[in-house]
N, C-alpha and C. Protein backbone atom coordinates (compact mmCIF):
# COMPACT_ATOMS: atom_id res chain seq x y z
N MET A 1 25.55 -0.46 -25.52
CA MET A 1 24.31 0.11 -24.99
C MET A 1 24.62 1.05 -23.82
N ASN A 2 23.87 2.15 -23.72
CA ASN A 2 24.02 3.07 -22.60
C ASN A 2 23.75 2.36 -21.27
N LYS A 3 24.21 3.00 -20.20
CA LYS A 3 23.88 2.50 -18.87
C LYS A 3 22.96 3.51 -18.18
N LYS A 4 21.80 3.04 -17.77
CA LYS A 4 20.88 3.83 -16.95
C LYS A 4 20.72 3.11 -15.62
N GLY A 5 20.25 3.82 -14.64
CA GLY A 5 19.98 3.19 -13.35
C GLY A 5 18.50 2.95 -13.19
N PHE A 6 18.13 1.73 -12.84
CA PHE A 6 16.71 1.39 -12.65
C PHE A 6 16.46 1.12 -11.17
N ILE A 7 15.60 1.95 -10.59
CA ILE A 7 15.32 1.88 -9.15
C ILE A 7 13.87 1.46 -8.93
N PHE A 8 13.70 0.42 -8.15
CA PHE A 8 12.37 -0.14 -7.90
C PHE A 8 11.96 0.11 -6.44
N ASP A 9 10.75 0.60 -6.26
CA ASP A 9 10.13 0.52 -4.94
C ASP A 9 9.78 -0.95 -4.72
N LEU A 10 9.46 -1.31 -3.49
CA LEU A 10 9.16 -2.71 -3.19
C LEU A 10 7.65 -2.97 -3.09
N ASP A 11 7.04 -2.38 -2.06
CA ASP A 11 5.63 -2.65 -1.79
C ASP A 11 4.74 -2.10 -2.91
N GLY A 12 3.97 -2.97 -3.54
CA GLY A 12 3.06 -2.55 -4.60
C GLY A 12 3.69 -2.48 -5.97
N VAL A 13 5.00 -2.68 -6.03
CA VAL A 13 5.70 -2.67 -7.32
C VAL A 13 6.26 -4.06 -7.63
N ILE A 14 7.03 -4.60 -6.69
CA ILE A 14 7.60 -5.94 -6.88
C ILE A 14 6.69 -7.00 -6.28
N VAL A 15 6.21 -6.72 -5.09
CA VAL A 15 5.26 -7.62 -4.41
C VAL A 15 4.12 -6.78 -3.83
N ASP A 16 2.99 -7.41 -3.59
CA ASP A 16 1.86 -6.68 -3.03
C ASP A 16 1.79 -6.94 -1.53
N THR A 17 2.60 -6.20 -0.79
CA THR A 17 2.55 -6.33 0.67
C THR A 17 1.56 -5.36 1.29
N ALA A 18 0.92 -4.55 0.45
CA ALA A 18 -0.06 -3.58 0.98
C ALA A 18 -1.15 -4.30 1.77
N LYS A 19 -1.53 -5.49 1.32
CA LYS A 19 -2.60 -6.22 2.00
C LYS A 19 -2.17 -6.61 3.42
N TYR A 20 -0.86 -6.91 3.59
CA TYR A 20 -0.36 -7.27 4.92
C TYR A 20 -0.22 -6.04 5.81
N HIS A 21 0.20 -4.93 5.21
CA HIS A 21 0.24 -3.67 5.97
C HIS A 21 -1.17 -3.31 6.44
N PHE A 22 -2.14 -3.48 5.55
CA PHE A 22 -3.52 -3.14 5.89
C PHE A 22 -4.01 -3.95 7.09
N LEU A 23 -3.78 -5.26 7.06
CA LEU A 23 -4.22 -6.12 8.15
C LEU A 23 -3.56 -5.73 9.47
N ALA A 24 -2.26 -5.43 9.41
CA ALA A 24 -1.53 -5.08 10.64
C ALA A 24 -1.94 -3.70 11.17
N TRP A 25 -2.11 -2.73 10.27
CA TRP A 25 -2.52 -1.39 10.70
C TRP A 25 -3.96 -1.42 11.23
N LYS A 26 -4.81 -2.20 10.58
CA LYS A 26 -6.22 -2.29 11.02
C LYS A 26 -6.30 -2.87 12.43
N LYS A 27 -5.52 -3.90 12.67
CA LYS A 27 -5.51 -4.52 14.00
C LYS A 27 -5.05 -3.51 15.05
N LEU A 28 -3.99 -2.75 14.71
CA LEU A 28 -3.48 -1.73 15.63
C LEU A 28 -4.53 -0.65 15.88
N ALA A 29 -5.08 -0.09 14.79
CA ALA A 29 -6.06 0.99 14.91
C ALA A 29 -7.27 0.56 15.74
N ASN A 30 -7.79 -0.64 15.43
CA ASN A 30 -8.96 -1.14 16.16
C ASN A 30 -8.66 -1.34 17.65
N SER A 31 -7.39 -1.69 17.95
CA SER A 31 -7.02 -1.94 19.36
C SER A 31 -7.06 -0.68 20.20
N ILE A 32 -6.99 0.50 19.55
CA ILE A 32 -7.07 1.77 20.30
C ILE A 32 -8.37 2.52 19.96
N GLY A 33 -9.33 1.76 19.41
CA GLY A 33 -10.66 2.32 19.17
C GLY A 33 -10.76 3.24 17.97
N VAL A 34 -9.90 3.02 16.98
CA VAL A 34 -9.95 3.83 15.76
C VAL A 34 -10.36 2.94 14.59
N ASP A 35 -11.33 3.40 13.81
CA ASP A 35 -11.72 2.66 12.61
C ASP A 35 -10.64 2.86 11.55
N PHE A 36 -10.46 1.87 10.68
CA PHE A 36 -9.41 1.98 9.66
C PHE A 36 -9.88 1.30 8.39
N THR A 37 -9.87 2.06 7.29
CA THR A 37 -10.40 1.55 6.03
C THR A 37 -9.29 1.35 5.00
N GLU A 38 -9.61 0.65 3.92
CA GLU A 38 -8.65 0.44 2.84
C GLU A 38 -8.31 1.76 2.14
N VAL A 39 -9.26 2.70 2.13
CA VAL A 39 -9.01 4.02 1.55
C VAL A 39 -7.93 4.74 2.36
N GLN A 40 -8.02 4.65 3.68
CA GLN A 40 -6.99 5.25 4.53
C GLN A 40 -5.65 4.54 4.35
N ASN A 41 -5.70 3.23 4.18
CA ASN A 41 -4.47 2.46 3.97
C ASN A 41 -3.72 2.95 2.73
N GLU A 42 -4.46 3.35 1.70
CA GLU A 42 -3.84 3.89 0.48
C GLU A 42 -2.98 5.12 0.80
N GLN A 43 -3.42 5.90 1.78
CA GLN A 43 -2.70 7.12 2.15
C GLN A 43 -1.42 6.84 2.92
N LEU A 44 -1.25 5.59 3.35
CA LEU A 44 -0.04 5.22 4.09
C LEU A 44 1.02 4.60 3.18
N LYS A 45 0.69 4.40 1.91
CA LYS A 45 1.66 3.82 0.98
C LYS A 45 2.89 4.71 0.84
N GLY A 46 4.05 4.12 0.99
CA GLY A 46 5.29 4.88 0.83
C GLY A 46 5.62 5.77 2.01
N VAL A 47 4.82 5.68 3.07
CA VAL A 47 5.00 6.54 4.25
C VAL A 47 5.66 5.73 5.36
N SER A 48 6.55 6.35 6.12
CA SER A 48 7.27 5.63 7.18
C SER A 48 6.30 5.15 8.26
N ARG A 49 6.78 4.20 9.07
CA ARG A 49 5.94 3.63 10.12
C ARG A 49 5.54 4.70 11.14
N ILE A 50 6.49 5.56 11.51
CA ILE A 50 6.20 6.62 12.50
C ILE A 50 5.11 7.56 11.97
N LYS A 51 5.29 8.03 10.74
CA LYS A 51 4.31 8.96 10.17
C LYS A 51 2.95 8.28 9.95
N SER A 52 2.98 6.99 9.63
CA SER A 52 1.72 6.26 9.44
C SER A 52 0.92 6.21 10.74
N LEU A 53 1.61 5.90 11.85
CA LEU A 53 0.90 5.84 13.13
C LEU A 53 0.42 7.23 13.54
N GLN A 54 1.22 8.25 13.25
CA GLN A 54 0.78 9.62 13.54
C GLN A 54 -0.50 9.97 12.78
N LYS A 55 -0.60 9.52 11.53
CA LYS A 55 -1.80 9.77 10.73
C LYS A 55 -3.00 9.06 11.35
N ILE A 56 -2.82 7.81 11.75
CA ILE A 56 -3.92 7.04 12.33
C ILE A 56 -4.42 7.71 13.61
N LEU A 57 -3.48 8.19 14.44
CA LEU A 57 -3.86 8.88 15.68
C LEU A 57 -4.64 10.15 15.37
N LYS A 58 -4.21 10.86 14.33
CA LYS A 58 -4.90 12.10 13.94
C LYS A 58 -6.31 11.79 13.45
N TRP A 59 -6.46 10.73 12.63
CA TRP A 59 -7.78 10.34 12.13
C TRP A 59 -8.72 10.00 13.28
N GLY A 60 -8.16 9.35 14.31
CA GLY A 60 -8.99 8.94 15.44
C GLY A 60 -9.04 9.94 16.56
N ASN A 61 -8.35 11.09 16.38
CA ASN A 61 -8.29 12.12 17.41
C ASN A 61 -7.79 11.54 18.74
N LYS A 62 -6.69 10.76 18.66
CA LYS A 62 -6.12 10.10 19.84
C LYS A 62 -4.73 10.64 20.13
N THR A 63 -4.35 10.60 21.39
CA THR A 63 -2.97 10.92 21.79
C THR A 63 -2.43 9.76 22.61
N LEU A 64 -1.12 9.50 22.49
CA LEU A 64 -0.49 8.40 23.20
C LEU A 64 0.79 8.87 23.86
N SER A 65 1.19 8.18 24.92
CA SER A 65 2.50 8.45 25.52
C SER A 65 3.56 7.92 24.56
N GLU A 66 4.78 8.40 24.73
CA GLU A 66 5.87 7.94 23.86
C GLU A 66 6.08 6.44 23.99
N ALA A 67 5.97 5.93 25.21
CA ALA A 67 6.17 4.49 25.44
C ALA A 67 5.10 3.67 24.72
N GLU A 68 3.84 4.13 24.81
CA GLU A 68 2.74 3.40 24.15
C GLU A 68 2.85 3.51 22.63
N PHE A 69 3.27 4.67 22.15
CA PHE A 69 3.49 4.87 20.71
C PHE A 69 4.51 3.86 20.21
N ASN A 70 5.63 3.74 20.92
CA ASN A 70 6.69 2.81 20.51
C ASN A 70 6.24 1.37 20.62
N ARG A 71 5.45 1.06 21.66
CA ARG A 71 4.94 -0.31 21.82
C ARG A 71 4.05 -0.70 20.65
N LEU A 72 3.17 0.23 20.24
CA LEU A 72 2.26 -0.05 19.13
C LEU A 72 3.02 -0.20 17.81
N MET A 73 4.06 0.61 17.62
CA MET A 73 4.87 0.47 16.40
C MET A 73 5.52 -0.91 16.34
N SER A 74 6.03 -1.37 17.47
CA SER A 74 6.66 -2.70 17.52
C SER A 74 5.63 -3.79 17.27
N MET A 75 4.45 -3.62 17.87
CA MET A 75 3.38 -4.61 17.70
C MET A 75 2.98 -4.71 16.23
N LYS A 76 2.83 -3.55 15.58
CA LYS A 76 2.45 -3.55 14.17
C LYS A 76 3.50 -4.27 13.34
N ASN A 77 4.76 -4.02 13.64
CA ASN A 77 5.83 -4.64 12.86
C ASN A 77 5.87 -6.15 13.08
N GLU A 78 5.64 -6.59 14.31
CA GLU A 78 5.62 -8.03 14.60
C GLU A 78 4.48 -8.71 13.85
N ASP A 79 3.31 -8.06 13.82
CA ASP A 79 2.18 -8.62 13.08
C ASP A 79 2.49 -8.71 11.59
N TYR A 80 3.07 -7.62 11.06
CA TYR A 80 3.43 -7.58 9.65
C TYR A 80 4.45 -8.66 9.31
N LEU A 81 5.47 -8.82 10.18
CA LEU A 81 6.50 -9.83 9.95
C LEU A 81 5.92 -11.25 9.96
N SER A 82 4.90 -11.45 10.80
CA SER A 82 4.28 -12.78 10.84
C SER A 82 3.59 -13.11 9.51
N TYR A 83 3.06 -12.06 8.84
CA TYR A 83 2.45 -12.27 7.52
C TYR A 83 3.51 -12.52 6.46
N ILE A 84 4.56 -11.68 6.42
CA ILE A 84 5.54 -11.80 5.34
C ILE A 84 6.44 -13.03 5.50
N SER A 85 6.47 -13.61 6.71
CA SER A 85 7.30 -14.80 6.92
C SER A 85 6.81 -15.98 6.08
N LYS A 86 5.55 -15.88 5.61
CA LYS A 86 4.97 -16.97 4.81
C LYS A 86 5.04 -16.69 3.31
N MET A 87 5.68 -15.58 2.91
CA MET A 87 5.74 -15.22 1.49
C MET A 87 6.65 -16.16 0.70
N ASP A 88 6.35 -16.29 -0.60
CA ASP A 88 7.23 -17.04 -1.49
C ASP A 88 7.17 -16.42 -2.88
N THR A 89 7.80 -17.07 -3.86
CA THR A 89 7.91 -16.49 -5.21
C THR A 89 6.55 -16.27 -5.88
N SER A 90 5.52 -16.94 -5.40
CA SER A 90 4.18 -16.77 -6.01
C SER A 90 3.64 -15.35 -5.78
N GLU A 91 4.25 -14.61 -4.85
CA GLU A 91 3.76 -13.27 -4.53
C GLU A 91 4.41 -12.17 -5.37
N ILE A 92 5.35 -12.53 -6.24
CA ILE A 92 5.94 -11.52 -7.14
C ILE A 92 4.86 -11.10 -8.13
N LEU A 93 4.71 -9.81 -8.32
CA LEU A 93 3.66 -9.30 -9.21
C LEU A 93 3.97 -9.64 -10.66
N PRO A 94 2.94 -9.74 -11.52
CA PRO A 94 3.10 -10.21 -12.90
C PRO A 94 4.16 -9.45 -13.70
N ASP A 95 5.05 -10.21 -14.33
CA ASP A 95 6.07 -9.72 -15.26
C ASP A 95 7.16 -8.85 -14.64
N VAL A 96 7.19 -8.75 -13.32
CA VAL A 96 8.31 -8.05 -12.67
C VAL A 96 9.62 -8.79 -12.97
N THR A 97 9.59 -10.11 -12.82
CA THR A 97 10.79 -10.92 -13.06
C THR A 97 11.26 -10.78 -14.50
N LYS A 98 10.32 -10.72 -15.43
CA LYS A 98 10.67 -10.55 -16.85
C LYS A 98 11.43 -9.24 -17.06
N THR A 99 10.95 -8.17 -16.43
CA THR A 99 11.61 -6.87 -16.56
C THR A 99 13.00 -6.89 -15.92
N LEU A 100 13.10 -7.47 -14.73
CA LEU A 100 14.40 -7.58 -14.06
C LEU A 100 15.39 -8.38 -14.91
N ASP A 101 14.93 -9.50 -15.46
CA ASP A 101 15.79 -10.34 -16.29
C ASP A 101 16.28 -9.59 -17.52
N PHE A 102 15.41 -8.80 -18.14
CA PHE A 102 15.79 -8.03 -19.33
C PHE A 102 16.87 -7.00 -18.97
N LEU A 103 16.71 -6.34 -17.84
CA LEU A 103 17.69 -5.34 -17.41
C LEU A 103 19.05 -6.00 -17.12
N ILE A 104 19.00 -7.15 -16.47
CA ILE A 104 20.25 -7.87 -16.16
C ILE A 104 20.94 -8.33 -17.44
N GLU A 105 20.16 -8.87 -18.38
CA GLU A 105 20.73 -9.32 -19.66
C GLU A 105 21.39 -8.17 -20.41
N ASN A 106 20.89 -6.95 -20.19
CA ASN A 106 21.44 -5.78 -20.87
C ASN A 106 22.37 -4.95 -19.98
N SER A 107 22.85 -5.59 -18.92
CA SER A 107 23.86 -5.00 -18.03
C SER A 107 23.47 -3.64 -17.46
N GLN A 108 22.21 -3.50 -17.11
CA GLN A 108 21.72 -2.25 -16.51
C GLN A 108 21.73 -2.37 -14.99
N PRO A 109 22.32 -1.39 -14.30
CA PRO A 109 22.35 -1.43 -12.83
C PRO A 109 20.93 -1.33 -12.25
N ILE A 110 20.67 -2.14 -11.23
CA ILE A 110 19.34 -2.19 -10.61
C ILE A 110 19.48 -1.96 -9.11
N ALA A 111 18.64 -1.07 -8.59
CA ALA A 111 18.64 -0.82 -7.14
C ALA A 111 17.22 -0.88 -6.60
N LEU A 112 17.13 -1.16 -5.31
CA LEU A 112 15.86 -1.06 -4.61
C LEU A 112 15.87 0.24 -3.82
N GLY A 113 14.77 0.98 -3.87
CA GLY A 113 14.63 2.20 -3.08
C GLY A 113 13.30 2.15 -2.35
N SER A 114 13.33 1.67 -1.11
CA SER A 114 12.08 1.39 -0.40
C SER A 114 12.11 1.93 1.02
N ALA A 115 10.96 2.40 1.50
CA ALA A 115 10.84 2.85 2.89
C ALA A 115 10.80 1.67 3.85
N SER A 116 10.57 0.48 3.32
CA SER A 116 10.42 -0.71 4.16
C SER A 116 11.74 -1.10 4.82
N LYS A 117 11.70 -1.31 6.13
CA LYS A 117 12.88 -1.79 6.85
C LYS A 117 13.01 -3.30 6.73
N ASN A 118 11.99 -3.92 6.16
CA ASN A 118 11.98 -5.38 6.00
C ASN A 118 12.31 -5.80 4.57
N ALA A 119 12.76 -4.84 3.75
CA ALA A 119 12.98 -5.12 2.32
C ALA A 119 13.92 -6.29 2.07
N PRO A 120 15.10 -6.37 2.72
CA PRO A 120 15.99 -7.50 2.43
C PRO A 120 15.34 -8.85 2.72
N GLU A 121 14.61 -8.92 3.83
CA GLU A 121 13.94 -10.18 4.18
C GLU A 121 12.90 -10.57 3.14
N ILE A 122 12.11 -9.59 2.68
CA ILE A 122 11.09 -9.87 1.68
C ILE A 122 11.73 -10.33 0.38
N LEU A 123 12.77 -9.64 -0.06
CA LEU A 123 13.45 -10.02 -1.31
C LEU A 123 14.03 -11.43 -1.21
N ASN A 124 14.54 -11.79 -0.04
CA ASN A 124 15.03 -13.16 0.15
C ASN A 124 13.89 -14.17 0.09
N LYS A 125 12.75 -13.82 0.69
CA LYS A 125 11.60 -14.73 0.70
C LYS A 125 11.11 -15.02 -0.71
N VAL A 126 11.15 -14.02 -1.59
CA VAL A 126 10.64 -14.20 -2.96
C VAL A 126 11.78 -14.49 -3.95
N ASN A 127 12.97 -14.74 -3.40
CA ASN A 127 14.13 -15.18 -4.19
C ASN A 127 14.57 -14.15 -5.24
N LEU A 128 14.53 -12.85 -4.86
CA LEU A 128 14.97 -11.80 -5.79
C LEU A 128 16.15 -10.98 -5.25
N PHE A 129 16.61 -11.31 -4.07
CA PHE A 129 17.65 -10.51 -3.42
C PHE A 129 18.87 -10.32 -4.33
N ASN A 130 19.29 -11.39 -4.98
CA ASN A 130 20.52 -11.33 -5.79
C ASN A 130 20.34 -10.63 -7.14
N GLN A 131 19.11 -10.24 -7.47
CA GLN A 131 18.87 -9.53 -8.72
C GLN A 131 19.27 -8.05 -8.61
N PHE A 132 19.47 -7.58 -7.39
CA PHE A 132 19.72 -6.16 -7.18
C PHE A 132 21.20 -5.87 -6.91
N ASN A 133 21.70 -4.82 -7.57
CA ASN A 133 23.08 -4.39 -7.34
C ASN A 133 23.21 -3.60 -6.05
N ALA A 134 22.13 -2.99 -5.60
CA ALA A 134 22.13 -2.22 -4.35
C ALA A 134 20.75 -2.22 -3.74
N ILE A 135 20.70 -2.21 -2.42
CA ILE A 135 19.42 -2.14 -1.70
C ILE A 135 19.49 -0.99 -0.71
N VAL A 136 18.63 0.00 -0.91
CA VAL A 136 18.52 1.12 0.02
C VAL A 136 17.12 1.05 0.62
N ASP A 137 17.05 0.78 1.91
CA ASP A 137 15.74 0.61 2.56
C ASP A 137 15.58 1.60 3.70
N GLY A 138 14.54 1.39 4.50
CA GLY A 138 14.23 2.31 5.58
C GLY A 138 15.31 2.41 6.65
N ASN A 139 16.20 1.41 6.71
CA ASN A 139 17.29 1.45 7.68
C ASN A 139 18.40 2.41 7.25
N ALA A 140 18.41 2.78 5.97
CA ALA A 140 19.52 3.58 5.43
C ALA A 140 19.18 5.05 5.24
N VAL A 141 17.93 5.43 5.49
CA VAL A 141 17.52 6.82 5.25
C VAL A 141 16.86 7.41 6.49
N SER A 142 16.89 8.73 6.56
CA SER A 142 16.26 9.42 7.70
C SER A 142 15.03 10.23 7.28
N LYS A 143 14.88 10.42 5.96
CA LYS A 143 13.77 11.23 5.47
C LYS A 143 12.84 10.36 4.62
N ALA A 144 11.55 10.45 4.89
CA ALA A 144 10.57 9.64 4.16
C ALA A 144 10.19 10.30 2.84
N LYS A 145 9.76 9.50 1.88
CA LYS A 145 9.18 10.04 0.65
C LYS A 145 7.99 10.93 1.03
N PRO A 146 7.78 12.06 0.41
CA PRO A 146 8.27 12.50 -0.90
C PRO A 146 9.67 13.12 -0.93
N ASP A 147 10.40 13.09 0.21
CA ASP A 147 11.79 13.51 0.14
C ASP A 147 12.55 12.52 -0.75
N PRO A 148 13.43 13.00 -1.62
CA PRO A 148 14.09 12.11 -2.58
C PRO A 148 15.29 11.33 -2.03
N GLU A 149 15.55 11.42 -0.72
CA GLU A 149 16.77 10.83 -0.15
C GLU A 149 16.97 9.36 -0.56
N VAL A 150 15.93 8.54 -0.44
CA VAL A 150 16.10 7.10 -0.71
C VAL A 150 16.52 6.85 -2.16
N PHE A 151 15.99 7.63 -3.10
CA PHE A 151 16.35 7.43 -4.50
C PHE A 151 17.73 8.00 -4.83
N LEU A 152 18.07 9.11 -4.20
CA LEU A 152 19.40 9.68 -4.41
C LEU A 152 20.48 8.75 -3.87
N LYS A 153 20.21 8.12 -2.73
CA LYS A 153 21.17 7.17 -2.16
C LYS A 153 21.28 5.92 -3.03
N ALA A 154 20.14 5.51 -3.61
CA ALA A 154 20.15 4.34 -4.50
C ALA A 154 20.97 4.63 -5.75
N ALA A 155 20.80 5.84 -6.32
CA ALA A 155 21.57 6.24 -7.50
C ALA A 155 23.06 6.26 -7.19
N GLU A 156 23.39 6.79 -6.03
CA GLU A 156 24.80 6.85 -5.61
C GLU A 156 25.38 5.45 -5.46
N ALA A 157 24.57 4.53 -4.90
CA ALA A 157 25.03 3.16 -4.66
C ALA A 157 25.34 2.41 -5.96
N ILE A 158 24.59 2.73 -7.03
CA ILE A 158 24.85 2.05 -8.31
C ILE A 158 25.68 2.93 -9.25
N LYS A 159 26.15 4.07 -8.70
CA LYS A 159 27.08 4.95 -9.44
C LYS A 159 26.49 5.47 -10.76
N ILE A 160 25.22 5.88 -10.70
CA ILE A 160 24.54 6.48 -11.85
C ILE A 160 23.99 7.84 -11.41
N ILE A 161 24.22 8.87 -12.22
CA ILE A 161 23.73 10.20 -11.84
C ILE A 161 22.19 10.19 -11.83
N PRO A 162 21.58 10.99 -10.95
CA PRO A 162 20.11 10.97 -10.84
C PRO A 162 19.38 11.17 -12.17
N GLU A 163 19.88 12.07 -13.01
CA GLU A 163 19.21 12.35 -14.29
C GLU A 163 19.18 11.15 -15.22
N ASP A 164 20.01 10.14 -14.94
CA ASP A 164 20.04 8.92 -15.76
C ASP A 164 19.36 7.75 -15.06
N CYS A 165 18.54 8.05 -14.06
CA CYS A 165 17.84 6.98 -13.32
C CYS A 165 16.35 6.97 -13.64
N ILE A 166 15.80 5.78 -13.61
CA ILE A 166 14.37 5.55 -13.85
C ILE A 166 13.80 4.88 -12.60
N VAL A 167 12.71 5.41 -12.09
CA VAL A 167 12.11 4.90 -10.86
C VAL A 167 10.74 4.29 -11.14
N PHE A 168 10.51 3.09 -10.60
CA PHE A 168 9.20 2.44 -10.67
C PHE A 168 8.54 2.58 -9.30
N GLU A 169 7.38 3.22 -9.25
CA GLU A 169 6.71 3.53 -7.99
C GLU A 169 5.20 3.33 -8.10
N ASP A 170 4.56 2.99 -6.97
CA ASP A 170 3.10 2.85 -6.98
C ASP A 170 2.41 3.87 -6.09
N SER A 171 3.20 4.74 -5.42
CA SER A 171 2.58 5.71 -4.51
C SER A 171 2.80 7.13 -4.98
N VAL A 172 1.88 8.01 -4.59
CA VAL A 172 2.00 9.43 -4.93
C VAL A 172 3.28 10.00 -4.32
N ALA A 173 3.54 9.67 -3.04
CA ALA A 173 4.75 10.17 -2.37
C ALA A 173 6.01 9.70 -3.09
N GLY A 174 5.99 8.46 -3.59
CA GLY A 174 7.15 7.92 -4.30
C GLY A 174 7.38 8.60 -5.64
N ILE A 175 6.30 8.88 -6.37
CA ILE A 175 6.41 9.60 -7.65
C ILE A 175 6.95 11.00 -7.40
N GLN A 176 6.45 11.64 -6.37
CA GLN A 176 6.92 12.99 -6.04
C GLN A 176 8.40 12.98 -5.66
N ALA A 177 8.83 11.93 -4.96
CA ALA A 177 10.24 11.80 -4.58
C ALA A 177 11.12 11.61 -5.81
N ALA A 178 10.67 10.77 -6.75
CA ALA A 178 11.43 10.54 -7.98
C ALA A 178 11.53 11.84 -8.79
N ASN A 179 10.44 12.56 -8.88
CA ASN A 179 10.44 13.82 -9.62
C ASN A 179 11.36 14.85 -8.95
N ALA A 180 11.34 14.88 -7.61
CA ALA A 180 12.20 15.81 -6.88
C ALA A 180 13.68 15.47 -7.08
N ALA A 181 13.96 14.20 -7.35
CA ALA A 181 15.35 13.76 -7.59
C ALA A 181 15.77 13.97 -9.04
N HIS A 182 14.85 14.48 -9.86
CA HIS A 182 15.09 14.71 -11.30
C HIS A 182 15.33 13.39 -12.04
N MET A 183 14.60 12.37 -11.62
CA MET A 183 14.65 11.07 -12.27
C MET A 183 13.39 10.87 -13.11
N ILE A 184 13.43 9.94 -14.06
CA ILE A 184 12.22 9.59 -14.81
C ILE A 184 11.33 8.76 -13.88
N SER A 185 10.08 9.17 -13.72
CA SER A 185 9.17 8.46 -12.83
C SER A 185 8.17 7.63 -13.63
N ILE A 186 8.07 6.37 -13.25
CA ILE A 186 7.10 5.47 -13.89
C ILE A 186 6.13 4.98 -12.82
N GLY A 187 4.87 5.38 -12.96
CA GLY A 187 3.85 4.98 -12.01
C GLY A 187 3.30 3.60 -12.35
N ILE A 188 3.18 2.76 -11.34
CA ILE A 188 2.58 1.43 -11.50
C ILE A 188 1.26 1.45 -10.73
N GLY A 189 0.15 1.53 -11.47
CA GLY A 189 -1.14 1.58 -10.80
C GLY A 189 -2.15 2.44 -11.53
N ASP A 190 -2.91 3.18 -10.77
CA ASP A 190 -4.05 3.95 -11.29
C ASP A 190 -3.58 5.30 -11.85
N GLU A 191 -3.88 5.55 -13.12
CA GLU A 191 -3.45 6.80 -13.77
C GLU A 191 -4.12 8.02 -13.14
N ASN A 192 -5.30 7.85 -12.55
CA ASN A 192 -5.97 8.97 -11.91
C ASN A 192 -5.32 9.37 -10.59
N VAL A 193 -4.58 8.43 -10.00
CA VAL A 193 -3.88 8.69 -8.74
C VAL A 193 -2.44 9.13 -8.99
N LEU A 194 -1.79 8.48 -9.97
CA LEU A 194 -0.35 8.70 -10.21
C LEU A 194 -0.08 9.65 -11.37
N PHE A 195 -0.97 10.61 -11.57
CA PHE A 195 -0.90 11.49 -12.75
C PHE A 195 0.36 12.36 -12.80
N GLU A 196 1.09 12.47 -11.68
CA GLU A 196 2.32 13.27 -11.69
C GLU A 196 3.50 12.51 -12.30
N ALA A 197 3.32 11.21 -12.58
CA ALA A 197 4.42 10.40 -13.14
C ALA A 197 4.65 10.73 -14.61
N ASP A 198 5.89 10.51 -15.06
CA ASP A 198 6.22 10.72 -16.48
C ASP A 198 5.52 9.70 -17.37
N TYR A 199 5.42 8.47 -16.88
CA TYR A 199 4.71 7.39 -17.59
C TYR A 199 3.90 6.63 -16.55
N ILE A 200 2.78 6.06 -16.98
CA ILE A 200 1.94 5.28 -16.06
C ILE A 200 1.51 3.98 -16.74
N PHE A 201 1.67 2.88 -16.02
CA PHE A 201 1.21 1.57 -16.51
C PHE A 201 0.42 0.90 -15.39
N LYS A 202 -0.57 0.15 -15.78
CA LYS A 202 -1.38 -0.57 -14.78
C LYS A 202 -0.51 -1.56 -14.01
N ASP A 203 0.35 -2.26 -14.74
CA ASP A 203 1.31 -3.18 -14.11
C ASP A 203 2.41 -3.48 -15.12
N PHE A 204 3.32 -4.36 -14.77
CA PHE A 204 4.48 -4.64 -15.63
C PHE A 204 4.12 -5.43 -16.89
N THR A 205 2.93 -5.99 -16.94
CA THR A 205 2.54 -6.71 -18.16
C THR A 205 2.39 -5.74 -19.32
N GLN A 206 2.21 -4.45 -19.02
CA GLN A 206 2.05 -3.43 -20.07
C GLN A 206 3.39 -2.81 -20.48
N ILE A 207 4.47 -3.17 -19.80
CA ILE A 207 5.78 -2.58 -20.10
C ILE A 207 6.56 -3.52 -21.02
N SER A 208 6.83 -3.05 -22.22
CA SER A 208 7.50 -3.90 -23.22
C SER A 208 9.01 -3.72 -23.17
N ALA A 209 9.71 -4.68 -23.76
CA ALA A 209 11.16 -4.60 -23.88
C ALA A 209 11.55 -3.38 -24.72
N ASP A 210 10.74 -3.07 -25.73
CA ASP A 210 11.00 -1.90 -26.58
C ASP A 210 10.95 -0.61 -25.78
N PHE A 211 9.98 -0.51 -24.88
CA PHE A 211 9.86 0.68 -24.04
C PHE A 211 11.11 0.85 -23.16
N ILE A 212 11.54 -0.25 -22.54
CA ILE A 212 12.73 -0.22 -21.67
C ILE A 212 13.96 0.15 -22.51
N THR A 213 14.05 -0.43 -23.68
CA THR A 213 15.20 -0.14 -24.56
C THR A 213 15.26 1.34 -24.92
N LYS A 214 14.11 1.93 -25.22
CA LYS A 214 14.06 3.36 -25.55
C LYS A 214 14.51 4.23 -24.37
N LEU A 215 14.15 3.82 -23.15
CA LEU A 215 14.58 4.54 -21.96
C LEU A 215 16.10 4.48 -21.82
N ILE A 216 16.64 3.31 -22.10
CA ILE A 216 18.09 3.13 -21.98
C ILE A 216 18.83 3.97 -23.02
N GLU A 217 18.26 4.06 -24.22
CA GLU A 217 18.95 4.73 -25.33
C GLU A 217 18.75 6.23 -25.33
N LYS A 218 17.86 6.75 -24.46
CA LYS A 218 17.60 8.19 -24.42
C LYS A 218 18.87 8.96 -24.08
């Protein structure tokens, strides 16, 4: 069987940590007098912590000193970590494990490509850390999605050329990053939002072994 590289985003693809990001960002925004909605939270998916806070400040027409900006970023991360510290295997999204197991059984290299700096901790919490041949997270990159850096580094780590990599993503920025890297992009979520993806599925329950096999044999 051919070897392809399979690269997974974390938040919204393997686990749904968006709800924890929302709670932490909402608490931060409200603390500086800015309203924050779930619609706005969608716009922060796949975006770095610095850029996310910059967006919130822009929405609220607020300016902060560098020290206060850094303090709020730390506060948000501490709140988020307090939520994810309670995670377990029940938080893995439906049929993700089935897909990972199929790839492992067929000797396909698997990497994580995530903006999250907490990715290793989350993967350990949900007992998936050892399923990945490489983990490229926010600590390893300097450019946020839609820049393709995180996916290109993931491809390099598993020694697969970008054109032979398949990316699973739930954010517009992530799909754009995969496309910019010349990888096959698979959107997980709403087809009306992720229309730039090569393929779109509501979740992994819709992804069959036959579909994965065809990707590998292409």
